[in-house]
C-alpha atoms as a PDB file:
ATOM      1  CA  MET A   1      80.799  95.344 119.341  1.00  0.00           C
ATOM      2  CA  GLN A   2      84.171  94.289 120.739  1.00  0.00           C
ATOM      3  CA  TYR A   3      85.733  91.231 119.531  1.00  0.00           C
ATOM      4  CA  GLN A   4      88.542  89.126 121.161  1.00  0.00           C
ATOM      5  CA  ASN A   5      91.715  87.397 119.328  1.00  0.00           C
ATOM      6  CA  ASN A   6      91.704  83.568 119.865  1.00  0.00           C
ATOM      7  CA  SER A   7      95.280  82.354 119.851  1.00  0.00           C
ATOM      8  CA  THR A   8      96.576  80.007 117.496  1.00  0.00           C
ATOM      9  CA  ASN A   9     100.293  78.527 116.929  1.00  0.00           C
ATOM     10  CA  HIS A  10     101.099  80.851 113.710  1.00  0.00           C
ATOM     11  CA  ALA A  11     101.796  84.158 114.923  1.00  0.00           C
ATOM     12  CA  LEU A  12     100.687  86.124 111.883  1.00  0.00           C
ATOM     13  CA  VAL A  13      97.299  84.040 111.807  1.00  0.00           C
ATOM     14  CA  LYS A  14      94.625  85.321 114.219  1.00  0.00           C
ATOM     15  CA  THR A  15      90.847  84.267 114.558  1.00  0.00           C
ATOM     16  CA  ILE A  16      87.782  85.255 115.951  1.00  0.00           C
ATOM     17  CA  ASP A  17      84.480  83.456 116.767  1.00  0.00           C
ATOM     18  CA  ALA A  18      81.895  85.725 115.256  1.00  0.00           C
ATOM     19  CA  SER A  19      78.992  82.949 114.836  1.00  0.00           C
ATOM     20  CA  THR A  20      76.278  85.116 116.341  1.00  0.00           C
ATOM     21  CA  ASP A  21      76.653  87.826 113.590  1.00  0.00           C
ATOM     22  CA  SER A  22      77.264  85.127 111.034  1.00  0.00           C
ATOM     23  CA  LYS A  23      73.800  83.963 111.015  1.00  0.00           C
ATOM     24  CA  LYS A  24      72.740  87.370 109.293  1.00  0.00           C
ATOM     25  CA  TRP A  25      75.341  87.205 106.542  1.00  0.00           C
ATOM     26  CA  LEU A  26      74.305  83.564 105.936  1.00  0.00           C
ATOM     27  CA  LYS A  27      70.577  84.639 105.639  1.00  0.00           C
ATOM     28  CA  THR A  28      71.742  87.719 103.247  1.00  0.00           C
ATOM     29  CA  ALA A  29      73.581  85.411 100.810  1.00  0.00           C
ATOM     30  CA  SER A  30      71.937  84.837  97.594  1.00  0.00           C
ATOM     31  CA  ASN A  31      70.483  81.810  96.329  1.00  0.00           C
ATOM     32  CA  TYR A  32      69.855  83.381  92.893  1.00  0.00           C
ATOM     33  CA  ARG A  33      72.417  81.597  90.542  1.00  0.00           C
ATOM     34  CA  PRO A  34      72.584  84.653  88.189  1.00  0.00           C
ATOM     35  CA  ASP A  35      73.871  86.690  91.089  1.00  0.00           C
ATOM     36  CA  TRP A  36      77.021  84.650  91.079  1.00  0.00           C
ATOM     37  CA  VAL A  37      79.962  85.581  88.725  1.00  0.00           C
ATOM     38  CA  LEU A  38      83.195  84.281  87.969  1.00  0.00           C
ATOM     39  CA  PRO A  39      85.797  85.854  90.156  1.00  0.00           C
ATOM     40  CA  THR A  40      88.790  87.937  88.786  1.00  0.00           C
ATOM     41  CA  ASN A  41      91.369  85.895  90.530  1.00  0.00           C
ATOM     42  CA  SER A  42      91.931  82.082  90.618  1.00  0.00           C
ATOM     43  CA  TYR A  43      89.283  81.351  93.419  1.00  0.00           C
ATOM     44  CA  PRO A  44      88.099  77.800  92.130  1.00  0.00           C
ATOM     45  CA  GLY A  45      84.284  78.933  91.951  1.00  0.00           C
ATOM     46  CA  LEU A  46      82.005  82.141  92.116  1.00  0.00           C
ATOM     47  CA  TRP A  47      81.268  85.270  93.893  1.00  0.00           C
ATOM     48  CA  ALA A  48      78.509  87.403  94.720  1.00  0.00           C
ATOM     49  CA  LYS A  49      78.228  90.929  96.271  1.00  0.00           C
ATOM     50  CA  VAL A  50      78.088  91.371  99.818  1.00  0.00           C
ATOM     51  CA  HIS A  51      75.807  94.129 101.280  1.00  0.00           C
ATOM     52  CA  ASN A  52      77.802  97.411 101.936  1.00  0.00           C
ATOM     53  CA  ASP A  53      76.954  97.131 105.845  1.00  0.00           C
ATOM     54  CA  TYR A  54      79.583  93.849 105.753  1.00  0.00           C
ATOM     55  CA  PHE A  55      82.705  96.119 105.703  1.00  0.00           C
ATOM     56  CA  ALA A  56      81.442  98.479 108.419  1.00  0.00           C
ATOM     57  CA  PHE A  57      81.225  94.895 110.312  1.00  0.00           C
ATOM     58  CA  ILE A  58      84.562  93.574 109.265  1.00  0.00           C
ATOM     59  CA  LYS A  59      86.197  96.702 109.912  1.00  0.00           C
ATOM     60  CA  ASN A  60      85.066  96.571 113.550  1.00  0.00           C
ATOM     61  CA  VAL A  61      86.568  93.072 113.740  1.00  0.00           C
ATOM     62  CA  ILE A  62      89.979  94.520 111.918  1.00  0.00           C
ATOM     63  CA  GLU A  63      90.172  96.671 115.224  1.00  0.00           C
ATOM     64  CA  ALA A  64      91.117  93.578 117.012  1.00  0.00           C
ATOM     65  CA  PHE A  65      93.216  92.217 114.520  1.00  0.00           C
ATOM     66  CA  SER A  66      95.577  95.633 113.676  1.00  0.00           C
ATOM     67  CA  THR A  67      98.025  95.645 116.546  1.00  0.00           C
ATOM     68  CA  PRO A  68      99.203  91.739 116.170  1.00  0.00           C
ATOM     69  CA  PHE A  69      99.898  93.002 112.475  1.00  0.00           C
ATOM     70  CA  ASN A  70     101.760  96.071 113.540  1.00  0.00           C
ATOM     71  CA  TYR A  71      99.600  98.332 111.792  1.00  0.00           C
ATOM     72  CA  SER A  72      96.865 100.838 112.746  1.00  0.00           C
ATOM     73  CA  ALA A  73      93.353 100.334 112.230  1.00  0.00           C
ATOM     74  CA  ASN A  74      92.980 104.237 111.975  1.00  0.00           C
ATOM     75  CA  ASN A  75      93.636 103.865 108.086  1.00  0.00           C
ATOM     76  CA  VAL A  76      92.014 100.655 107.052  1.00  0.00           C
ATOM     77  CA  LYS A  77      90.812 100.448 103.014  1.00  0.00           C
ATOM     78  CA  ARG A  78      88.780  98.269 101.485  1.00  0.00           C
ATOM     79  CA  VAL A  79      90.202  96.448  98.656  1.00  0.00           C
ATOM     80  CA  SER A  80      87.352  93.806  97.838  1.00  0.00           C
ATOM     81  CA  CYS A  81      84.866  91.756  99.777  1.00  0.00           C
ATOM     82  CA  ASN A  82      82.713  89.286  98.502  1.00  0.00           C
ATOM     83  CA  TYR A  83      80.755  86.069  99.109  1.00  0.00           C
ATOM     84  CA  ALA A  84      82.766  83.005  97.644  1.00  0.00           C
ATOM     85  CA  LEU A  85      81.464  79.770  96.952  1.00  0.00           C
ATOM     86  CA  VAL A  86      83.849  76.635  95.908  1.00  0.00           C
ATOM     87  CA  THR A  87      82.173  75.062  92.539  1.00  0.00           C
ATOM     88  CA  GLN A  88      85.110  73.891  90.449  1.00  0.00           C
ATOM     89  CA  GLU A  89      85.766  69.894  90.092  1.00  0.00           C
ATOM     90  CA  PRO A  90      89.412  68.983  91.033  1.00  0.00           C
ATOM     91  CA  SER A  91      89.808  67.471  87.498  1.00  0.00           C
ATOM     92  CA  SER A  92      89.519  71.147  86.014  1.00  0.00           C
ATOM     93  CA  LEU A  93      92.320  72.929  88.120  1.00  0.00           C
ATOM     94  CA  GLN A  94      94.987  74.517  86.317  1.00  0.00           C
ATOM     95  CA  PRO A  95      98.310  73.707  87.838  1.00  0.00           C
ATOM     96  CA  PHE A  96      98.708  77.002  89.737  1.00  0.00           C
ATOM     97  CA  GLN A  97      95.297  76.283  91.527  1.00  0.00           C
ATOM     98  CA  THR A  98      96.601  73.253  93.119  1.00  0.00           C
ATOM     99  CA  ILE A  99      99.442  74.997  94.918  1.00  0.00           C
ATOM    100  CA  PRO A 100      99.465  77.766  97.670  1.00  0.00           C
ATOM    101  CA  HIS A 101      99.542  81.216  96.501  1.00  0.00           C
ATOM    102  CA  PHE A 102      99.883  84.908  97.926  1.00  0.00           C
ATOM    103  CA  ASP A 103      97.702  87.703  97.072  1.00  0.00           C
ATOM    104  CA  LEU A 104     100.128  90.381  96.813  1.00  0.00           C
ATOM    105  CA  PRO A 105     103.818  90.975  97.991  1.00  0.00           C
ATOM    106  CA  LYS A 106     102.855  93.657 100.324  1.00  0.00           C
ATOM    107  CA  ASP A 107     103.110  93.238 104.034  1.00  0.00           C
ATOM    108  CA  ASN A 108     100.280  95.663 105.012  1.00  0.00           C
ATOM    109  CA  GLN A 109      97.603  93.832 102.956  1.00  0.00           C
ATOM    110  CA  ILE A 110      95.349  91.452 104.983  1.00  0.00           C
ATOM    111  CA  ALA A 111      93.158  88.807 104.079  1.00  0.00           C
ATOM    112  CA  LEU A 112      89.911  87.613 106.182  1.00  0.00           C
ATOM    113  CA  VAL A 113      88.094  84.418 105.363  1.00  0.00           C
ATOM    114  CA  HIS A 114      84.786  84.500 107.095  1.00  0.00           C
ATOM    115  CA  TYR A 115      83.294  80.852 107.177  1.00  0.00           C
ATOM    116  CA  LEU A 116      79.686  80.323 106.802  1.00  0.00           C
ATOM    117  CA  CYS A 117      79.961  76.543 106.643  1.00  0.00           C
ATOM    118  CA  ASP A 118      81.428  73.987 108.940  1.00  0.00           C
ATOM    119  CA  ALA A 119      84.505  71.542 109.029  1.00  0.00           C
ATOM    120  CA  GLN A 120      83.253  69.038 106.642  1.00  0.00           C
ATOM    121  CA  PHE A 121      84.151  71.833 103.833  1.00  0.00           C
ATOM    122  CA  GLY A 122      87.934  71.739 104.988  1.00  0.00           C
ATOM    123  CA  GLY A 123      89.508  74.777 106.009  1.00  0.00           C
ATOM    124  CA  THR A 124      92.636  77.028 105.118  1.00  0.00           C
ATOM    125  CA  GLY A 125      96.513  76.055 104.983  1.00  0.00           C
ATOM    126  CA  PHE A 126      99.693  77.994 105.264  1.00  0.00           C
ATOM    127  CA  TYR A 127     102.698  76.518 103.726  1.00  0.00           C
ATOM    128  CA  SER A 128     106.227  77.269 103.070  1.00  0.00           C
ATOM    129  CA  HIS A 129     107.968  76.465 100.200  1.00  0.00           C
ATOM    130  CA  LYS A 130     110.664  73.749 100.160  1.00  0.00           C
ATOM    131  CA  SER A 131     113.474  74.566  97.862  1.00  0.00           C
ATOM    132  CA  THR A 132     113.549  78.141  98.911  1.00  0.00           C
ATOM    133  CA  GLY A 133     112.055  78.220 102.527  1.00  0.00           C
ATOM    134  CA  ILE A 134     109.807  81.038 101.740  1.00  0.00           C
ATOM    135  CA  ASN A 135     106.576  80.925 103.526  1.00  0.00           C
ATOM    136  CA  ARG A 136     105.878  84.682 103.021  1.00  0.00           C
ATOM    137  CA  VAL A 137     106.417  86.655  99.728  1.00  0.00           C
ATOM    138  CA  SER A 138     107.731  90.422  99.686  1.00  0.00           C
ATOM    139  CA  ARG A 139     109.114  92.620  97.402  1.00  0.00           C
ATOM    140  CA  HIS A 140     112.752  91.342  98.429  1.00  0.00           C
ATOM    141  CA  ASN A 141     112.152  87.519  97.924  1.00  0.00           C
ATOM    142  CA  HIS A 142     109.402  87.851  95.344  1.00  0.00           C
ATOM    143  CA  ASP A 143     111.742  87.616  92.136  1.00  0.00           C
ATOM    144  CA  ASP A 144     113.493  84.278  93.627  1.00  0.00           C
ATOM    145  CA  TYR A 145     110.486  82.783  94.672  1.00  0.00           C
ATOM    146  CA  ILE A 146     108.507  83.158  91.163  1.00  0.00           C
ATOM    147  CA  HIS A 147     111.685  81.991  89.605  1.00  0.00           C
ATOM    148  CA  SER A 148     111.975  78.801  91.677  1.00  0.00           C
ATOM    149  CA  ILE A 149     108.061  77.867  91.233  1.00  0.00           C
ATOM    150  CA  LYS A 150     108.210  78.195  87.630  1.00  0.00           C
ATOM    151  CA  LYS A 151     110.938  75.969  87.141  1.00  0.00           C
ATOM    152  CA  GLU A 152     109.401  73.561  89.509  1.00  0.00           C
ATOM    153  CA  ILE A 153     105.726  73.255  87.848  1.00  0.00           C
ATOM    154  CA  ASP A 154     105.472  72.052  84.919  1.00  0.00           C
ATOM    155  CA  PRO A 155     101.772  72.494  83.245  1.00  0.00           C
ATOM    156  CA  HIS A 156     102.190  69.396  80.876  1.00  0.00           C
ATOM    157  CA  THR A 157     102.915  67.049  84.270  1.00  0.00           C
ATOM    158  CA  ALA A 158      99.499  67.955  85.948  1.00  0.00           C
ATOM    159  CA  GLN A 159      97.856  64.448  84.812  1.00  0.00           C
ATOM    160  CA  SER A 160      95.547  64.272  87.818  1.00  0.00           C
ATOM    161  CA  PRO A 161      95.106  67.821  89.496  1.00  0.00           C
ATOM    162  CA  GLN A 162      93.594  67.697  92.813  1.00  0.00           C
ATOM    163  CA  TYR A 163      93.050  70.562  95.786  1.00  0.00           C
ATOM    164  CA  ILE A 164      95.782  70.808  97.961  1.00  0.00           C
ATOM    165  CA  THR A 165      95.585  69.402 101.518  1.00  0.00           C
ATOM    166  CA  HIS A 166      98.001  68.688 103.883  1.00  0.00           C
ATOM    167  CA  THR A 167     100.797  67.418 101.859  1.00  0.00           C
ATOM    168  CA  HIS A 168     102.358  68.578  98.653  1.00  0.00           C
ATOM    169  CA  PRO A 169     105.735  67.446  96.978  1.00  0.00           C
ATOM    170  CA  LEU A 170     106.533  71.245  96.720  1.00  0.00           C
ATOM    171  CA  PHE A 171     105.435  72.535  99.874  1.00  0.00           C
ATOM    172  CA  VAL A 172     105.168  72.087 103.913  1.00  0.00           C
ATOM    173  CA  ARG A 173     101.755  72.863 105.656  1.00  0.00           C
ATOM    174  CA  GLU A 174     103.139  74.726 108.480  1.00  0.00           C
ATOM    175  CA  HIS A 175      99.484  75.396 110.119  1.00  0.00           C
ATOM    176  CA  TYR A 176      95.983  74.812 109.472  1.00  0.00           C
ATOM    177  CA  GLU A 177      92.588  76.455 110.430  1.00  0.00           C
ATOM    178  CA  ALA A 178      89.460  74.198 110.295  1.00  0.00           C
ATOM    179  CA  ALA A 179      86.244  75.557 108.884  1.00  0.00           C
ATOM    180  CA  GLN A 180      83.828  76.465 111.841  1.00  0.00           C
ATOM    181  CA  PHE A 181      80.576  78.003 111.232  1.00  0.00           C
ATOM    182  CA  GLY A 182      81.189  81.766 112.385  1.00  0.00           C
ATOM    183  CA  LYS A 183      85.137  81.652 112.172  1.00  0.00           C
ATOM    184  CA  ILE A 184      86.902  84.596 111.060  1.00  0.00           C
ATOM    185  CA  VAL A 185      90.788  83.706 109.883  1.00  0.00           C
ATOM    186  CA  ALA A 186      92.818  86.887 109.465  1.00  0.00           C
ATOM    187  CA  TYR A 187      96.369  86.842 108.126  1.00  0.00           C
ATOM    188  CA  PRO A 188      98.800  88.631 105.695  1.00  0.00           C
ATOM    189  CA  GLY A 189      97.693  88.068 102.199  1.00  0.00           C
ATOM    190  CA  ASN A 190     101.461  87.607 101.311  1.00  0.00           C
ATOM    191  CA  LEU A 191     101.578  84.456 103.564  1.00  0.00           C
ATOM    192  CA  LEU A 192     101.635  81.295 101.246  1.00  0.00           C
ATOM    193  CA  HIS A 193      98.302  79.586 102.056  1.00  0.00           C
ATOM    194  CA  SER A 194      95.525  77.745 100.080  1.00  0.00           C
ATOM    195  CA  ALA A 195      92.102  76.822 100.730  1.00  0.00           C
ATOM    196  CA  CYS A 196      91.979  72.843 101.617  1.00  0.00           C
ATOM    197  CA  ILE A 197      89.156  71.468 100.059  1.00  0.00           C
ATOM    198  CA  PRO A 198      87.793  68.174 100.082  1.00  0.00           C
ATOM    199  CA  GLN A 199      88.156  66.321  97.020  1.00  0.00           C
ATOM    200  CA  GLN A 200      84.485  65.389  97.022  1.00  0.00           C
ATOM    201  CA  LEU A 201      82.331  68.357  98.264  1.00  0.00           C
ATOM    202  CA  PRO A 202      79.140  67.588 100.120  1.00  0.00           C
ATOM    203  CA  LYS A 203      76.415  68.344  97.475  1.00  0.00           C
ATOM    204  CA  ALA A 204      74.004  71.463  98.054  1.00  0.00           C
ATOM    205  CA  ASN A 205      71.014  72.511  96.306  1.00  0.00           C
ATOM    206  CA  ASP A 206      71.008  75.642  98.162  1.00  0.00           C
ATOM    207  CA  LEU A 207      73.944  77.721  97.344  1.00  0.00           C
ATOM    208  CA  ARG A 208      74.013  78.820 100.972  1.00  0.00           C
ATOM    209  CA  SER A 209      74.740  75.380 102.303  1.00  0.00           C
ATOM    210  CA  GLY A 210      77.895  74.902 100.070  1.00  0.00           C
ATOM    211  CA  ARG A 211      81.420  75.717 100.959  1.00  0.00           C
ATOM    212  CA  LEU A 212      80.227  79.334 101.676  1.00  0.00           C
ATOM    213  CA  THR A 213      82.696  82.150 102.981  1.00  0.00           C
ATOM    214  CA  ILE A 214      83.032  85.736 102.701  1.00  0.00           C
ATOM    215  CA  THR A 215      86.497  86.852 101.849  1.00  0.00           C
ATOM    216  CA  THR A 216      87.643  90.408 102.295  1.00  0.00           C
ATOM    217  CA  PHE A 217      90.961  92.022 101.331  1.00  0.00           C
ATOM    218  CA  ALA A 218      91.822  95.222 102.962  1.00  0.00           C
ATOM    219  CA  THR A 219      94.932  97.507 103.379  1.00  0.00           C
ATOM    220  CA  LEU A 220      96.208  98.844 107.107  1.00  0.00           C
ATOM    221  CA  GLY A 221      98.050 102.014 107.470  1.00  0.00           C
ATOM    222  CA  GLU A 222     100.517 103.064 104.461  1.00  0.00           C
ATOM    223  CA  ASP A 223     102.392 101.080 101.955  1.00  0.00           C
ATOM    224  CA  ILE A 224     106.231 100.555 103.194  1.00  0.00           C
END
Protein backbone atom coordinates (compact mmCIF):
# COMPACT_ATOMS: atom_id res chain seq x y z
CA MET A 1 0.00 0.00 0.00
CA GLN A 2 1.28 3.45 -0.84
CA TYR A 3 1.00 6.46 1.43
CA GLN A 4 1.38 10.14 0.69
CA ASN A 5 3.01 12.67 2.93
CA ASN A 6 0.77 15.45 4.20
CA SER A 7 2.57 18.78 4.39
CA THR A 8 2.99 20.64 7.69
CA ASN A 9 4.62 23.94 8.53
CA HIS A 10 7.52 22.13 10.21
CA ALA A 11 10.13 20.82 7.79
CA LEU A 12 10.97 17.77 9.92
CA VAL A 13 7.46 16.74 11.00
CA LYS A 14 5.53 14.58 8.55
CA THR A 15 2.02 13.17 8.76
CA ILE A 16 0.06 10.49 6.98
CA ASP A 17 -3.64 9.61 7.13
CA ALA A 18 -3.95 5.88 7.70
CA SER A 19 -7.46 5.88 9.14
CA THR A 20 -8.67 2.86 7.18
CA ASP A 21 -5.79 0.63 8.33
CA SER A 22 -6.06 1.99 11.87
CA LYS A 23 -9.40 0.31 12.55
CA LYS A 24 -7.59 -3.03 12.51
CA TRP A 25 -4.95 -1.91 15.00
CA LEU A 26 -7.55 -0.42 17.34
CA LYS A 27 -9.48 -3.70 17.26
CA THR A 28 -6.39 -5.75 18.15
CA ALA A 29 -5.42 -3.56 21.14
CA SER A 30 -5.90 -5.48 24.36
CA ASN A 31 -8.54 -4.45 26.87
CA TYR A 32 -7.12 -6.95 29.39
CA ARG A 33 -5.35 -4.93 32.08
CA PRO A 34 -2.59 -7.47 32.92
CA ASP A 35 -1.36 -7.13 29.33
CA TRP A 36 -0.38 -3.51 30.08
CA VAL A 37 2.93 -2.79 31.80
CA LEU A 38 4.94 0.22 32.93
CA PRO A 39 7.23 1.43 30.12
CA THR A 40 11.00 1.51 30.38
CA ASN A 41 11.08 5.25 29.73
CA SER A 42 9.25 8.22 31.29
CA TYR A 43 6.01 7.78 29.32
CA PRO A 44 3.16 8.74 31.70
CA GLY A 45 1.11 5.60 31.41
CA LEU A 46 1.21 1.99 30.29
CA TRP A 47 2.45 0.03 27.29
CA ALA A 48 1.28 -3.19 25.66
CA LYS A 49 2.67 -5.37 22.90
CA VAL A 50 1.74 -4.79 19.28
CA HIS A 51 1.44 -7.76 16.96
CA ASN A 52 4.60 -8.34 14.90
CA ASP A 53 2.61 -7.66 11.73
CA TYR A 54 2.39 -4.01 12.78
CA PHE A 55 6.04 -3.31 12.08
CA ALA A 56 5.61 -4.62 8.53
CA PHE A 57 2.75 -2.12 8.18
CA ILE A 58 4.69 0.78 9.67
CA LYS A 59 7.80 -0.01 7.64
CA ASN A 60 5.70 0.58 4.54
CA VAL A 61 4.71 3.94 6.01
CA ILE A 62 8.36 4.76 6.81
CA GLU A 63 9.23 4.36 3.14
CA ALA A 64 7.05 7.40 2.42
CA PHE A 65 8.96 9.38 5.04
CA SER A 66 12.57 8.39 4.41
CA THR A 67 13.42 10.87 1.66
CA PRO A 68 12.32 13.97 3.62
CA PHE A 69 14.51 12.75 6.49
CA ASN A 70 17.48 12.30 4.10
CA TYR A 71 17.94 8.63 4.96
CA SER A 72 17.26 5.50 2.99
CA ALA A 73 14.36 3.19 3.86
CA ASN A 74 16.43 0.27 2.55
CA ASN A 75 17.97 -0.13 6.00
CA VAL A 76 15.16 0.35 8.52
CA LYS A 77 15.83 -1.16 11.93
CA ARG A 78 13.16 -1.58 14.58
CA VAL A 79 14.07 -0.19 17.99
CA SER A 80 10.69 -0.58 19.71
CA CYS A 81 7.00 -0.61 18.90
CA ASN A 82 4.19 -0.59 21.48
CA TYR A 83 0.65 0.43 22.23
CA ALA A 84 0.74 3.37 24.64
CA LEU A 85 -2.03 4.55 26.95
CA VAL A 86 -1.83 7.69 29.14
CA THR A 87 -2.94 6.91 32.69
CA GLN A 88 -0.89 9.18 34.97
CA GLU A 89 -2.57 12.00 36.87
CA PRO A 90 -0.86 15.39 36.46
CA SER A 91 -0.33 15.71 40.20
CA SER A 92 1.96 12.65 40.18
CA LEU A 93 4.27 13.83 37.38
CA GLN A 94 8.00 14.20 38.01
CA PRO A 95 9.61 17.51 36.93
CA PHE A 96 11.21 15.95 33.82
CA GLN A 97 7.77 14.71 32.73
CA THR A 98 6.43 18.26 32.62
CA ILE A 99 8.86 19.54 29.96
CA PRO A 100 9.63 18.58 26.35
CA HIS A 101 12.13 15.78 25.86
CA PHE A 102 14.22 14.13 23.16
CA ASP A 103 14.65 10.40 22.62
CA LEU A 104 18.33 10.10 21.70
CA PRO A 105 20.83 12.65 20.31
CA LYS A 106 20.90 10.81 16.95
CA ASP A 107 19.83 12.34 13.64
CA ASN A 108 18.81 9.04 12.03
CA GLN A 109 16.41 7.71 14.66
CA ILE A 110 12.80 8.58 13.96
CA ALA A 111 9.73 8.36 16.14
CA LEU A 112 6.23 7.68 14.87
CA VAL A 113 3.06 8.33 16.85
CA HIS A 114 0.03 6.56 15.44
CA TYR A 115 -3.14 8.04 16.91
CA LEU A 116 -5.95 5.63 17.73
CA CYS A 117 -7.93 8.40 19.42
CA ASP A 118 -9.20 11.85 18.45
CA ALA A 119 -8.52 15.52 19.19
CA GLN A 120 -10.19 15.53 22.62
CA PHE A 121 -7.07 13.74 23.84
CA GLY A 122 -4.66 16.50 22.80
CA GLY A 123 -1.78 15.97 20.38
CA THR A 124 1.99 16.34 19.99
CA GLY A 125 3.94 19.58 20.35
CA PHE A 126 7.43 20.53 19.16
CA TYR A 127 9.47 23.07 21.09
CA SER A 128 12.60 25.16 21.29
CA HIS A 129 14.48 25.87 24.52
CA LYS A 130 14.32 29.59 25.28
CA SER A 131 17.73 30.14 26.87
CA THR A 132 19.78 28.19 24.31
CA GLY A 133 17.54 28.31 21.23
CA ILE A 134 18.00 24.53 20.83
CA ASN A 135 15.14 22.63 19.25
CA ARG A 136 17.04 19.54 18.11
CA VAL A 137 19.52 17.82 20.42
CA SER A 138 22.58 16.34 18.69
CA ARG A 139 25.90 15.06 19.94
CA HIS A 140 27.27 18.54 19.24
CA ASN A 141 24.92 20.46 21.55
CA HIS A 142 23.82 17.72 23.93
CA ASP A 143 26.10 18.67 26.82
CA ASP A 144 25.22 22.37 26.57
CA TYR A 145 21.51 21.61 26.58
CA ILE A 146 21.66 19.19 29.52
CA HIS A 147 23.83 21.59 31.52
CA SER A 148 21.35 24.44 30.94
CA ILE A 149 18.19 22.48 31.66
CA LYS A 150 19.57 21.00 34.88
CA LYS A 151 20.25 24.49 36.15
CA GLU A 152 16.78 25.72 35.21
CA ILE A 153 14.71 22.89 36.64
CA ASP A 154 14.63 22.57 40.38
CA PRO A 155 12.71 19.43 41.43
CA HIS A 156 11.81 21.08 44.71
CA THR A 157 9.97 23.95 43.00
CA ALA A 158 7.42 21.77 41.21
CA GLN A 159 4.52 22.48 43.56
CA SER A 160 1.73 21.92 41.04
CA PRO A 161 2.97 19.65 38.24
CA GLN A 162 0.91 19.51 35.07
CA TYR A 163 1.18 18.29 31.52
CA ILE A 164 2.78 20.74 29.13
CA THR A 165 0.43 22.34 26.62
CA HIS A 166 1.11 25.36 24.42
CA THR A 167 3.01 27.42 27.00
CA HIS A 168 5.94 26.80 29.32
CA PRO A 169 8.31 29.20 31.10
CA LEU A 170 11.39 27.51 29.62
CA PHE A 171 10.18 26.55 26.13
CA VAL A 172 8.39 27.94 23.07
CA ARG A 173 6.04 25.67 21.14
CA GLU A 174 6.95 25.92 17.46
CA HIS A 175 4.55 23.38 15.98
CA TYR A 176 1.55 21.31 17.02
CA GLU A 177 -0.12 18.23 15.59
CA ALA A 178 -3.60 17.57 16.94
CA ALA A 179 -4.64 13.99 17.57
CA GLN A 180 -6.87 12.55 14.89
CA PHE A 181 -7.89 8.94 14.55
CA GLY A 182 -5.61 7.24 12.03
CA LYS A 183 -3.08 10.08 11.84
CA ILE A 184 0.57 9.00 11.95
CA VAL A 185 3.05 11.70 12.92
CA ALA A 186 6.74 11.03 12.19
CA TYR A 187 9.73 13.12 13.23
CA PRO A 188 13.40 12.78 14.21
CA GLY A 189 13.49 11.62 17.81
CA ASN A 190 16.03 14.28 18.75
CA LEU A 191 13.55 17.10 18.19
CA LEU A 192 12.37 18.52 21.50
CA HIS A 193 8.80 17.28 21.70
CA SER A 194 6.05 16.36 24.10
CA ALA A 195 2.64 14.79 24.18
CA CYS A 196 0.21 17.65 24.83
CA ILE A 197 -2.28 16.05 27.17
CA PRO A 198 -5.44 17.64 28.65
CA GLN A 199 -5.22 18.10 32.41
CA GLN A 200 -8.58 16.31 32.65
CA LEU A 201 -8.58 13.29 30.38
CA PRO A 202 -11.95 11.86 29.32
CA LYS A 203 -12.66 8.75 31.39
CA ALA A 204 -12.71 5.46 29.51
CA ASN A 205 -13.80 2.13 30.96
CA ASP A 206 -12.54 0.40 27.84
CA LEU A 207 -8.76 0.86 27.55
CA ARG A 208 -9.15 1.13 23.79
CA SER A 209 -11.22 4.31 24.11
CA GLY A 210 -8.65 6.25 26.13
CA ARG A 211 -5.67 8.26 24.87
CA LEU A 212 -4.40 5.33 22.86
CA THR A 213 -1.50 5.51 20.40
CA ILE A 214 1.10 3.18 18.95
CA THR A 215 4.61 4.51 19.39
CA THR A 216 7.41 3.29 17.15
CA PHE A 217 11.12 4.05 17.22
CA ALA A 218 13.23 3.07 14.22
CA THR A 219 16.62 3.92 12.75
CA LEU A 220 17.19 4.74 9.10
CA GLY A 221 20.53 3.97 7.46
CA GLU A 222 23.76 4.07 9.42
CA ASP A 223 24.71 6.25 12.38
CA ILE A 224 26.76 9.33 11.49
